[in-house]
């Protein structure tokens, strides 16, 4: 089993600033985050409105002071508003940024250290809404967010769930889904009578187990390790089911 994610869910970003250098700095900072993708930028706010309508980015960086359109006018013109980060050369505009319902503000020149805090805040907000269980635990499925959309996960198709850093990889019969959530929080979405955590990084559906020992579990010809801290509870559960 690999501990490296095979793909990452991307959040798309767009930058609007009348200063090309400011755009370049933000793009360089964004490039350091594999889960973020810059899909466009513009020094012209009028053109940017058309781009944003078409691209529907998740995160928007916008200069609060531009000659043709102010940050307020720009944001009010956007339908399906994304998360907004205001950029400004003047710290006194911070209050106005929050009046615009901006997620955060960045004062130029934008340091990478401060930029990281903004991105952490954005990712935290995204995580707070995923995965989303739209049905009770007794439901035959749940919905999770993956790659900017909600994906239906039929519980009977789950082979195993693997924790991969801040994500879980849900391995199904014939497909895989990656969603940003801790493995502990994901476990709470699953019915206790059907699923069990057997390792710090693995959750398994009990009905899928074809063979097991104190060291490992076989599911669909795949080996899942049993963690030392979970061994006693797992063996007791299996004995109870026999």
Foldseek 3Di string as FASTA:
>chain_A
DDLADPDEQAFEEEEEALDPVQVVQVVVLQVVDRRYHYPYYDPDLVVVQVVCVVPVGQEYEYEQDDDPAGPLRSQVSHDNGHAYEYEYQDPVCQVVCVVSVHQYYAHPPGDSVVVVVSVVSSVVVVQVPFDAAPDAQVDQWGWGDGNRDIDIDGNVFFAKWFARPQWIWTDGVPDITIHGHQPVVVVVSHDPVQWDAFANTMIGGPVQFPDDDLAWTAGPNDTDGGDPVRSVVVVVSVVVVD
